[in-house]
Amino acid sequence: MSIEEERIVFCTEDGTPTGETGPKLASHHEHTRLHLAFSCYVFRRSDGKFLITQRAASKKVWPSVWTNSVCGHPAPGEALEDAVRRRAAYELGMPQLDELTCVLPKYLYKTPVFDGVIEHEFCPVFTAVVDEDPKPNPEEVDDFRWLTWDDYVKLLDQPDANVSYWAKDQFPLLKGLPQFSAGK
């Protein structure tokens, strides 16, 4: 399915689908409706570091920013876990995610306008574990880094850090979770 054919699922503030969908690209604008999404942080089993990615410069929404490992939208009727696995395979070349766990099941955010677009998502946050490095799809990812939690704190402390709104917003909610302190 091409990006022009992808659809997003509109939902209520508790994440319940409304039964309505919209075209992915056309639905992201200055008045974006609340819709289902997900974020995932992928951890490397060997050292506990987690992957951040730099979104491709060609992306319509938040191009070139550093963010979590993979994020996206479930297709209508698709389970969130299946959507995470689908996007990890497509964006990162990582078809095998182990220990996929939802760590923030009720995360919701709305960004300020950025390049004419507002993101407004009910966006459960997952973690997963892998044994290999990503093989990024250049249409989705320009670069990647494996970081410790301390490295991530330093990145976010930089006033000019080019990091996505949702990654910054998720930070205080993640900092107490054991997955994020293991690779200090």
N, C-alpha and C. Protein backbone atom coordinates (compact mmCIF):
# COMPACT_ATOMS: atom_id res chain seq x y z
N MET A 1 0.84 -1.17 0.00
CA MET A 1 0.00 0.00 0.00
C MET A 1 0.89 1.24 0.00
N SER A 2 0.59 2.18 -0.87
CA SER A 2 1.38 3.41 -0.93
C SER A 2 0.94 4.36 0.18
N ILE A 3 1.80 5.34 0.45
CA ILE A 3 1.48 6.30 1.51
C ILE A 3 0.20 7.07 1.18
N GLU A 4 -0.08 7.27 -0.10
CA GLU A 4 -1.30 7.97 -0.50
C GLU A 4 -2.54 7.14 -0.18
N GLU A 5 -2.39 5.82 -0.10
CA GLU A 5 -3.52 4.93 0.18
C GLU A 5 -3.68 4.61 1.66
N GLU A 6 -2.64 4.88 2.47
CA GLU A 6 -2.71 4.57 3.90
C GLU A 6 -3.80 5.40 4.56
N ARG A 7 -4.47 4.77 5.55
CA ARG A 7 -5.53 5.44 6.29
C ARG A 7 -5.20 5.42 7.78
N ILE A 8 -5.60 6.49 8.47
CA ILE A 8 -5.45 6.53 9.92
C ILE A 8 -6.82 6.34 10.56
N VAL A 9 -6.81 5.91 11.82
CA VAL A 9 -8.03 5.59 12.56
C VAL A 9 -8.30 6.69 13.57
N PHE A 10 -9.39 7.41 13.41
CA PHE A 10 -9.76 8.44 14.37
C PHE A 10 -10.29 7.77 15.63
N CYS A 11 -10.04 8.43 16.79
CA CYS A 11 -10.41 7.82 18.06
C CYS A 11 -10.86 8.87 19.07
N THR A 12 -11.39 8.38 20.18
CA THR A 12 -11.75 9.24 21.30
C THR A 12 -10.53 9.43 22.19
N GLU A 13 -10.66 10.26 23.23
CA GLU A 13 -9.52 10.54 24.10
C GLU A 13 -9.08 9.34 24.93
N ASP A 14 -9.89 8.28 24.98
CA ASP A 14 -9.45 7.07 25.68
C ASP A 14 -8.94 6.01 24.71
N GLY A 15 -8.78 6.39 23.43
CA GLY A 15 -8.22 5.49 22.44
C GLY A 15 -9.22 4.59 21.75
N THR A 16 -10.50 4.79 21.98
CA THR A 16 -11.52 3.97 21.34
C THR A 16 -11.75 4.47 19.91
N PRO A 17 -11.61 3.60 18.91
CA PRO A 17 -11.86 4.02 17.53
C PRO A 17 -13.29 4.53 17.37
N THR A 18 -13.45 5.60 16.60
CA THR A 18 -14.78 6.18 16.37
C THR A 18 -15.51 5.47 15.24
N GLY A 19 -14.79 4.64 14.48
CA GLY A 19 -15.37 4.03 13.29
C GLY A 19 -15.06 4.81 12.03
N GLU A 20 -14.44 5.98 12.20
CA GLU A 20 -14.07 6.81 11.06
C GLU A 20 -12.58 6.67 10.78
N THR A 21 -12.22 6.76 9.51
CA THR A 21 -10.82 6.77 9.11
C THR A 21 -10.61 7.94 8.15
N GLY A 22 -9.35 8.25 7.91
CA GLY A 22 -9.03 9.30 6.96
C GLY A 22 -7.73 9.00 6.26
N PRO A 23 -7.51 9.58 5.09
CA PRO A 23 -6.24 9.37 4.40
C PRO A 23 -5.10 9.94 5.24
N LYS A 24 -4.04 9.17 5.37
CA LYS A 24 -2.94 9.54 6.27
C LYS A 24 -2.37 10.93 5.96
N LEU A 25 -1.95 11.16 4.74
CA LEU A 25 -1.32 12.44 4.43
C LEU A 25 -2.29 13.60 4.51
N ALA A 26 -3.47 13.44 3.93
CA ALA A 26 -4.44 14.54 3.90
C ALA A 26 -5.01 14.84 5.29
N SER A 27 -4.93 13.90 6.21
CA SER A 27 -5.49 14.10 7.56
C SER A 27 -4.55 14.85 8.49
N HIS A 28 -3.30 15.02 8.10
CA HIS A 28 -2.33 15.75 8.92
C HIS A 28 -2.22 17.19 8.41
N HIS A 29 -2.72 18.12 9.21
CA HIS A 29 -2.73 19.54 8.85
C HIS A 29 -2.84 20.36 10.13
N GLU A 30 -3.24 21.62 10.04
CA GLU A 30 -3.31 22.49 11.22
C GLU A 30 -4.44 22.12 12.18
N HIS A 31 -5.37 21.28 11.73
CA HIS A 31 -6.51 20.89 12.57
C HIS A 31 -6.63 19.37 12.63
N THR A 32 -5.50 18.70 12.75
CA THR A 32 -5.47 17.23 12.76
C THR A 32 -6.35 16.69 13.89
N ARG A 33 -7.23 15.75 13.53
CA ARG A 33 -8.09 15.11 14.53
C ARG A 33 -7.31 14.05 15.30
N LEU A 34 -7.76 13.79 16.51
CA LEU A 34 -7.14 12.75 17.34
C LEU A 34 -7.26 11.40 16.63
N HIS A 35 -6.13 10.70 16.54
CA HIS A 35 -6.11 9.41 15.86
C HIS A 35 -5.13 8.47 16.56
N LEU A 36 -5.26 7.19 16.23
CA LEU A 36 -4.41 6.16 16.84
C LEU A 36 -3.01 6.17 16.23
N ALA A 37 -2.03 5.94 17.08
CA ALA A 37 -0.64 5.85 16.64
C ALA A 37 0.10 4.98 17.67
N PHE A 38 1.41 4.87 17.48
CA PHE A 38 2.26 4.19 18.47
C PHE A 38 3.67 4.74 18.36
N SER A 39 4.42 4.59 19.43
CA SER A 39 5.86 4.83 19.45
C SER A 39 6.51 3.58 20.01
N CYS A 40 7.73 3.29 19.56
CA CYS A 40 8.45 2.14 20.10
C CYS A 40 9.93 2.48 20.25
N TYR A 41 10.48 2.08 21.38
CA TYR A 41 11.91 2.19 21.65
C TYR A 41 12.49 0.78 21.59
N VAL A 42 13.44 0.59 20.70
CA VAL A 42 14.06 -0.73 20.49
C VAL A 42 15.39 -0.76 21.24
N PHE A 43 15.55 -1.79 22.07
CA PHE A 43 16.76 -1.97 22.87
C PHE A 43 17.63 -3.08 22.28
N ARG A 44 18.95 -2.87 22.34
CA ARG A 44 19.90 -3.88 21.89
C ARG A 44 20.19 -4.81 23.07
N ARG A 45 19.94 -6.09 22.89
CA ARG A 45 20.08 -7.06 23.96
C ARG A 45 21.50 -7.09 24.55
N SER A 46 22.52 -6.94 23.70
CA SER A 46 23.90 -7.12 24.15
C SER A 46 24.37 -6.08 25.16
N ASP A 47 23.85 -4.85 25.09
CA ASP A 47 24.35 -3.81 26.00
C ASP A 47 23.26 -2.93 26.61
N GLY A 48 22.00 -3.17 26.29
CA GLY A 48 20.91 -2.41 26.88
C GLY A 48 20.72 -1.02 26.32
N LYS A 49 21.52 -0.64 25.31
CA LYS A 49 21.33 0.68 24.69
C LYS A 49 20.06 0.65 23.84
N PHE A 50 19.46 1.85 23.64
CA PHE A 50 18.27 1.91 22.80
C PHE A 50 18.52 2.78 21.57
N LEU A 51 17.73 2.51 20.57
CA LEU A 51 17.90 3.10 19.25
C LEU A 51 17.07 4.37 19.11
N ILE A 52 17.72 5.45 18.66
CA ILE A 52 16.97 6.61 18.20
C ILE A 52 17.27 6.76 16.72
N THR A 53 16.31 7.34 16.01
CA THR A 53 16.45 7.49 14.57
C THR A 53 16.23 8.95 14.18
N GLN A 54 16.85 9.32 13.07
CA GLN A 54 16.62 10.64 12.50
C GLN A 54 15.66 10.46 11.33
N ARG A 55 14.50 11.08 11.44
CA ARG A 55 13.49 10.95 10.39
C ARG A 55 14.05 11.50 9.07
N ALA A 56 13.67 10.88 7.98
CA ALA A 56 14.15 11.29 6.66
C ALA A 56 13.76 12.74 6.37
N ALA A 57 14.63 13.45 5.69
CA ALA A 57 14.37 14.84 5.32
C ALA A 57 13.15 14.97 4.41
N SER A 58 12.79 13.90 3.73
CA SER A 58 11.66 13.93 2.80
C SER A 58 10.31 13.71 3.49
N LYS A 59 10.29 13.43 4.79
CA LYS A 59 9.03 13.18 5.50
C LYS A 59 8.19 14.46 5.56
N LYS A 60 6.87 14.32 5.39
CA LYS A 60 5.98 15.48 5.43
C LYS A 60 5.89 16.05 6.85
N VAL A 61 5.82 15.16 7.83
CA VAL A 61 5.63 15.56 9.21
C VAL A 61 6.94 15.37 9.99
N TRP A 62 7.43 16.44 10.59
CA TRP A 62 8.64 16.43 11.42
C TRP A 62 9.85 15.83 10.68
N PRO A 63 10.20 16.36 9.51
CA PRO A 63 11.37 15.85 8.78
C PRO A 63 12.67 16.16 9.52
N SER A 64 13.62 15.26 9.40
CA SER A 64 15.01 15.43 9.89
C SER A 64 15.17 15.50 11.40
N VAL A 65 14.12 15.30 12.18
CA VAL A 65 14.28 15.35 13.63
C VAL A 65 14.67 13.97 14.16
N TRP A 66 15.36 13.98 15.29
CA TRP A 66 15.70 12.74 16.00
C TRP A 66 14.50 12.35 16.85
N THR A 67 14.24 11.06 16.91
CA THR A 67 13.07 10.59 17.64
C THR A 67 13.30 9.17 18.14
N ASN A 68 12.24 8.58 18.68
CA ASN A 68 12.31 7.20 19.16
C ASN A 68 12.67 6.27 18.00
N SER A 69 12.76 4.98 18.27
CA SER A 69 13.23 4.02 17.26
C SER A 69 12.31 3.95 16.05
N VAL A 70 11.02 3.82 16.31
CA VAL A 70 10.05 3.69 15.22
C VAL A 70 8.70 4.17 15.74
N CYS A 71 7.94 4.81 14.87
CA CYS A 71 6.59 5.22 15.23
C CYS A 71 5.72 5.14 13.98
N GLY A 72 4.43 5.16 14.19
CA GLY A 72 3.53 5.06 13.05
C GLY A 72 2.10 4.93 13.48
N HIS A 73 1.28 4.47 12.55
CA HIS A 73 -0.16 4.37 12.75
C HIS A 73 -0.64 2.96 12.42
N PRO A 74 -1.56 2.42 13.23
CA PRO A 74 -2.15 1.14 12.84
C PRO A 74 -3.11 1.35 11.68
N ALA A 75 -3.21 0.38 10.82
CA ALA A 75 -4.21 0.41 9.76
C ALA A 75 -5.58 0.10 10.38
N PRO A 76 -6.67 0.45 9.72
CA PRO A 76 -7.98 0.10 10.26
C PRO A 76 -8.06 -1.40 10.54
N GLY A 77 -8.46 -1.75 11.76
CA GLY A 77 -8.60 -3.14 12.16
C GLY A 77 -7.31 -3.84 12.57
N GLU A 78 -6.18 -3.17 12.48
CA GLU A 78 -4.88 -3.77 12.80
C GLU A 78 -4.56 -3.58 14.28
N ALA A 79 -4.14 -4.64 14.95
CA ALA A 79 -3.70 -4.54 16.35
C ALA A 79 -2.44 -3.68 16.43
N LEU A 80 -2.31 -2.92 17.51
CA LEU A 80 -1.14 -2.06 17.66
C LEU A 80 0.16 -2.84 17.60
N GLU A 81 0.21 -4.00 18.25
CA GLU A 81 1.44 -4.82 18.24
C GLU A 81 1.82 -5.21 16.81
N ASP A 82 0.82 -5.54 16.01
CA ASP A 82 1.09 -5.90 14.61
C ASP A 82 1.59 -4.68 13.83
N ALA A 83 1.04 -3.51 14.13
CA ALA A 83 1.48 -2.28 13.47
C ALA A 83 2.93 -1.96 13.83
N VAL A 84 3.29 -2.14 15.10
CA VAL A 84 4.68 -1.90 15.53
C VAL A 84 5.62 -2.81 14.74
N ARG A 85 5.29 -4.09 14.67
CA ARG A 85 6.15 -5.04 13.95
C ARG A 85 6.23 -4.71 12.46
N ARG A 86 5.11 -4.34 11.87
CA ARG A 86 5.08 -3.99 10.44
C ARG A 86 5.98 -2.79 10.16
N ARG A 87 5.85 -1.74 10.98
CA ARG A 87 6.65 -0.53 10.74
C ARG A 87 8.12 -0.75 11.06
N ALA A 88 8.43 -1.55 12.08
CA ALA A 88 9.84 -1.84 12.39
C ALA A 88 10.49 -2.58 11.23
N ALA A 89 9.77 -3.50 10.63
CA ALA A 89 10.31 -4.22 9.47
C ALA A 89 10.50 -3.26 8.30
N TYR A 90 9.51 -2.39 8.05
CA TYR A 90 9.56 -1.48 6.90
C TYR A 90 10.58 -0.35 7.09
N GLU A 91 10.56 0.31 8.24
CA GLU A 91 11.42 1.46 8.46
C GLU A 91 12.85 1.08 8.82
N LEU A 92 12.99 0.02 9.63
CA LEU A 92 14.29 -0.30 10.21
C LEU A 92 14.91 -1.58 9.67
N GLY A 93 14.18 -2.33 8.85
CA GLY A 93 14.68 -3.62 8.40
C GLY A 93 14.84 -4.59 9.56
N MET A 94 13.96 -4.47 10.55
CA MET A 94 14.00 -5.32 11.75
C MET A 94 12.70 -6.12 11.84
N PRO A 95 12.64 -7.26 11.16
CA PRO A 95 11.40 -8.04 11.18
C PRO A 95 11.18 -8.79 12.49
N GLN A 96 12.23 -8.95 13.28
CA GLN A 96 12.12 -9.73 14.53
C GLN A 96 12.26 -8.82 15.74
N LEU A 97 11.15 -8.53 16.41
CA LEU A 97 11.16 -7.78 17.66
C LEU A 97 10.82 -8.74 18.78
N ASP A 98 11.70 -8.86 19.76
CA ASP A 98 11.44 -9.71 20.92
C ASP A 98 10.92 -8.85 22.07
N GLU A 99 10.22 -9.50 22.98
CA GLU A 99 9.76 -8.86 24.21
C GLU A 99 9.02 -7.55 23.96
N LEU A 100 8.17 -7.52 22.93
CA LEU A 100 7.39 -6.33 22.64
C LEU A 100 6.41 -6.09 23.79
N THR A 101 6.56 -4.93 24.44
CA THR A 101 5.81 -4.63 25.66
C THR A 101 5.27 -3.21 25.59
N CYS A 102 4.01 -3.03 25.92
CA CYS A 102 3.43 -1.69 26.00
C CYS A 102 3.73 -1.13 27.39
N VAL A 103 4.52 -0.05 27.44
CA VAL A 103 4.95 0.52 28.72
C VAL A 103 4.18 1.79 29.10
N LEU A 104 3.59 2.46 28.13
CA LEU A 104 2.75 3.63 28.38
C LEU A 104 1.47 3.46 27.56
N PRO A 105 0.49 2.72 28.08
CA PRO A 105 -0.68 2.38 27.27
C PRO A 105 -1.63 3.54 26.98
N LYS A 106 -1.57 4.61 27.74
CA LYS A 106 -2.54 5.70 27.57
C LYS A 106 -1.89 7.03 27.20
N TYR A 107 -0.73 6.98 26.58
CA TYR A 107 -0.04 8.22 26.21
C TYR A 107 -0.80 8.94 25.09
N LEU A 108 -1.06 10.23 25.30
CA LEU A 108 -1.76 11.07 24.33
C LEU A 108 -1.03 12.40 24.26
N TYR A 109 -0.88 12.94 23.07
CA TYR A 109 -0.21 14.24 22.94
C TYR A 109 -0.76 15.01 21.75
N LYS A 110 -0.52 16.31 21.80
CA LYS A 110 -0.87 17.20 20.69
C LYS A 110 0.26 18.20 20.56
N THR A 111 0.85 18.27 19.39
CA THR A 111 1.99 19.16 19.17
C THR A 111 1.52 20.57 18.82
N PRO A 112 2.40 21.54 19.02
CA PRO A 112 2.14 22.84 18.40
C PRO A 112 2.31 22.71 16.89
N VAL A 113 1.87 23.71 16.16
CA VAL A 113 2.01 23.69 14.70
C VAL A 113 3.49 23.65 14.34
N PHE A 114 3.86 22.74 13.45
CA PHE A 114 5.23 22.60 12.96
C PHE A 114 5.14 22.42 11.45
N ASP A 115 5.66 23.39 10.69
CA ASP A 115 5.57 23.36 9.22
C ASP A 115 4.12 23.16 8.75
N GLY A 116 3.18 23.81 9.43
CA GLY A 116 1.78 23.74 9.02
C GLY A 116 1.02 22.50 9.45
N VAL A 117 1.63 21.68 10.31
CA VAL A 117 1.00 20.42 10.72
C VAL A 117 0.98 20.31 12.24
N ILE A 118 -0.13 19.81 12.77
CA ILE A 118 -0.24 19.45 14.18
C ILE A 118 -0.37 17.93 14.23
N GLU A 119 0.40 17.30 15.11
CA GLU A 119 0.18 15.88 15.41
C GLU A 119 -0.73 15.83 16.62
N HIS A 120 -1.74 14.97 16.58
CA HIS A 120 -2.69 14.82 17.69
C HIS A 120 -2.99 13.33 17.78
N GLU A 121 -2.30 12.65 18.70
CA GLU A 121 -2.32 11.19 18.68
C GLU A 121 -2.57 10.58 20.05
N PHE A 122 -3.39 9.53 20.07
CA PHE A 122 -3.45 8.59 21.18
C PHE A 122 -2.42 7.55 20.82
N CYS A 123 -1.31 7.53 21.56
CA CYS A 123 -0.09 6.90 21.07
C CYS A 123 0.57 6.01 22.13
N PRO A 124 0.05 4.80 22.36
CA PRO A 124 0.72 3.91 23.30
C PRO A 124 2.20 3.75 22.94
N VAL A 125 3.02 3.65 23.98
CA VAL A 125 4.47 3.54 23.80
C VAL A 125 4.91 2.12 24.16
N PHE A 126 5.70 1.53 23.26
CA PHE A 126 6.18 0.17 23.41
C PHE A 126 7.70 0.16 23.56
N THR A 127 8.19 -0.96 24.10
CA THR A 127 9.62 -1.28 24.03
C THR A 127 9.75 -2.65 23.39
N ALA A 128 10.91 -2.90 22.81
CA ALA A 128 11.21 -4.20 22.21
C ALA A 128 12.71 -4.43 22.31
N VAL A 129 13.12 -5.67 22.10
CA VAL A 129 14.53 -6.05 22.19
C VAL A 129 14.94 -6.72 20.89
N VAL A 130 16.15 -6.39 20.42
CA VAL A 130 16.69 -7.00 19.19
C VAL A 130 18.14 -7.41 19.41
N ASP A 131 18.62 -8.22 18.48
CA ASP A 131 20.02 -8.65 18.51
C ASP A 131 20.84 -8.01 17.39
N GLU A 132 20.19 -7.36 16.42
CA GLU A 132 20.92 -6.85 15.27
C GLU A 132 20.81 -5.34 15.14
N ASP A 133 21.67 -4.78 14.31
CA ASP A 133 21.59 -3.36 13.98
C ASP A 133 20.51 -3.17 12.92
N PRO A 134 19.93 -1.97 12.87
CA PRO A 134 18.92 -1.71 11.85
C PRO A 134 19.54 -1.64 10.46
N LYS A 135 18.71 -1.86 9.47
CA LYS A 135 19.04 -1.64 8.07
C LYS A 135 17.99 -0.65 7.56
N PRO A 136 18.18 0.64 7.87
CA PRO A 136 17.12 1.63 7.66
C PRO A 136 16.68 1.80 6.21
N ASN A 137 15.39 2.01 6.05
CA ASN A 137 14.80 2.38 4.77
C ASN A 137 15.08 3.87 4.58
N PRO A 138 15.82 4.28 3.54
CA PRO A 138 16.18 5.69 3.38
C PRO A 138 14.98 6.61 3.14
N GLU A 139 13.83 6.06 2.77
CA GLU A 139 12.63 6.89 2.63
C GLU A 139 12.08 7.29 4.00
N GLU A 140 12.51 6.59 5.05
CA GLU A 140 11.98 6.82 6.39
C GLU A 140 13.02 7.35 7.37
N VAL A 141 14.26 6.89 7.24
CA VAL A 141 15.30 7.15 8.24
C VAL A 141 16.58 7.63 7.56
N ASP A 142 17.09 8.79 8.01
CA ASP A 142 18.37 9.30 7.49
C ASP A 142 19.57 8.81 8.30
N ASP A 143 19.38 8.56 9.60
CA ASP A 143 20.50 8.17 10.45
C ASP A 143 19.95 7.49 11.70
N PHE A 144 20.85 6.85 12.45
CA PHE A 144 20.45 6.23 13.71
C PHE A 144 21.62 6.23 14.68
N ARG A 145 21.29 6.10 15.96
CA ARG A 145 22.29 6.00 17.03
C ARG A 145 21.76 5.07 18.11
N TRP A 146 22.68 4.31 18.71
CA TRP A 146 22.37 3.54 19.92
C TRP A 146 22.84 4.38 21.10
N LEU A 147 21.95 4.62 22.08
CA LEU A 147 22.27 5.48 23.22
C LEU A 147 22.01 4.78 24.55
N THR A 148 22.76 5.19 25.55
CA THR A 148 22.41 4.86 26.93
C THR A 148 21.40 5.90 27.39
N TRP A 149 20.76 5.64 28.52
CA TRP A 149 19.83 6.63 29.07
C TRP A 149 20.57 7.93 29.37
N ASP A 150 21.78 7.85 29.92
CA ASP A 150 22.56 9.05 30.22
C ASP A 150 22.87 9.84 28.95
N ASP A 151 23.18 9.14 27.85
CA ASP A 151 23.41 9.82 26.56
C ASP A 151 22.15 10.56 26.12
N TYR A 152 21.00 9.93 26.32
CA TYR A 152 19.72 10.52 25.91
C TYR A 152 19.42 11.76 26.74
N VAL A 153 19.67 11.69 28.03
CA VAL A 153 19.48 12.85 28.91
C VAL A 153 20.33 14.02 28.41
N LYS A 154 21.59 13.74 28.08
CA LYS A 154 22.49 14.80 27.57
C LYS A 154 21.97 15.38 26.26
N LEU A 155 21.48 14.53 25.37
CA LEU A 155 20.93 15.01 24.10
C LEU A 155 19.74 15.94 24.35
N LEU A 156 18.82 15.52 25.19
CA LEU A 156 17.63 16.32 25.45
C LEU A 156 17.93 17.59 26.23
N ASP A 157 19.04 17.62 26.95
CA ASP A 157 19.44 18.82 27.69
C ASP A 157 20.01 19.91 26.78
N GLN A 158 20.38 19.56 25.56
CA GLN A 158 20.93 20.55 24.64
C GLN A 158 19.80 21.45 24.15
N PRO A 159 19.93 22.77 24.34
CA PRO A 159 18.84 23.67 23.96
C PRO A 159 18.49 23.61 22.47
N ASP A 160 19.46 23.31 21.64
CA ASP A 160 19.21 23.27 20.20
C ASP A 160 19.06 21.84 19.66
N ALA A 161 18.80 20.89 20.54
CA ALA A 161 18.65 19.49 20.10
C ALA A 161 17.46 19.39 19.16
N ASN A 162 17.68 18.79 18.02
CA ASN A 162 16.65 18.64 17.00
C ASN A 162 15.90 17.32 17.25
N VAL A 163 15.05 17.33 18.28
CA VAL A 163 14.37 16.12 18.74
C VAL A 163 12.86 16.33 18.62
N SER A 164 12.15 15.28 18.26
CA SER A 164 10.70 15.38 18.07
C SER A 164 9.99 15.80 19.36
N TYR A 165 8.87 16.47 19.17
CA TYR A 165 8.05 16.90 20.30
C TYR A 165 7.67 15.71 21.18
N TRP A 166 7.21 14.62 20.55
CA TRP A 166 6.73 13.48 21.33
C TRP A 166 7.86 12.77 22.08
N ALA A 167 9.05 12.74 21.52
CA ALA A 167 10.17 12.14 22.25
C ALA A 167 10.48 12.95 23.51
N LYS A 168 10.47 14.27 23.39
CA LYS A 168 10.70 15.12 24.56
C LYS A 168 9.56 14.96 25.57
N ASP A 169 8.34 14.88 25.07
CA ASP A 169 7.17 14.78 25.94
C ASP A 169 7.11 13.43 26.66
N GLN A 170 7.57 12.38 26.02
CA GLN A 170 7.57 11.04 26.63
C GLN A 170 8.67 10.89 27.68
N PHE A 171 9.72 11.67 27.56
CA PHE A 171 10.90 11.53 28.41
C PHE A 171 10.58 11.43 29.91
N PRO A 172 9.84 12.38 30.51
CA PRO A 172 9.60 12.28 31.95
C PRO A 172 8.76 11.06 32.34
N LEU A 173 7.99 10.54 31.41
CA LEU A 173 7.16 9.36 31.68
C LEU A 173 7.97 8.07 31.60
N LEU A 174 9.06 8.11 30.84
CA LEU A 174 9.90 6.92 30.65
C LEU A 174 11.00 6.79 31.69
N LYS A 175 11.43 7.91 32.25
CA LYS A 175 12.65 7.90 33.06
C LYS A 175 12.60 7.00 34.28
N GLY A 176 11.43 6.66 34.78
CA GLY A 176 11.37 5.78 35.93
C GLY A 176 11.24 4.30 35.58
N LEU A 177 11.15 3.99 34.31
CA LEU A 177 10.94 2.59 33.89
C LEU A 177 12.26 1.83 33.88
N PRO A 178 12.27 0.57 34.33
CA PRO A 178 13.52 -0.18 34.43
C PRO A 178 14.23 -0.38 33.09
N GLN A 179 13.49 -0.50 32.00
CA GLN A 179 14.13 -0.69 30.69
C GLN A 179 15.08 0.46 30.36
N PHE A 180 14.74 1.66 30.81
CA PHE A 180 15.52 2.83 30.43
C PHE A 180 16.68 3.11 31.36
N SER A 181 16.77 2.42 32.47
CA SER A 181 17.92 2.62 33.36
C SER A 181 18.92 1.47 33.26
N ALA A 182 18.54 0.38 32.60
CA ALA A 182 19.41 -0.80 32.53
C ALA A 182 20.71 -0.52 31.77
N GLY A 183 20.66 0.28 30.72
CA GLY A 183 21.85 0.54 29.91
C GLY A 183 22.54 1.84 30.25
N LYS A 184 22.44 2.29 31.49
CA LYS A 184 23.04 3.57 31.90
C LYS A 184 24.48 3.63 31.50
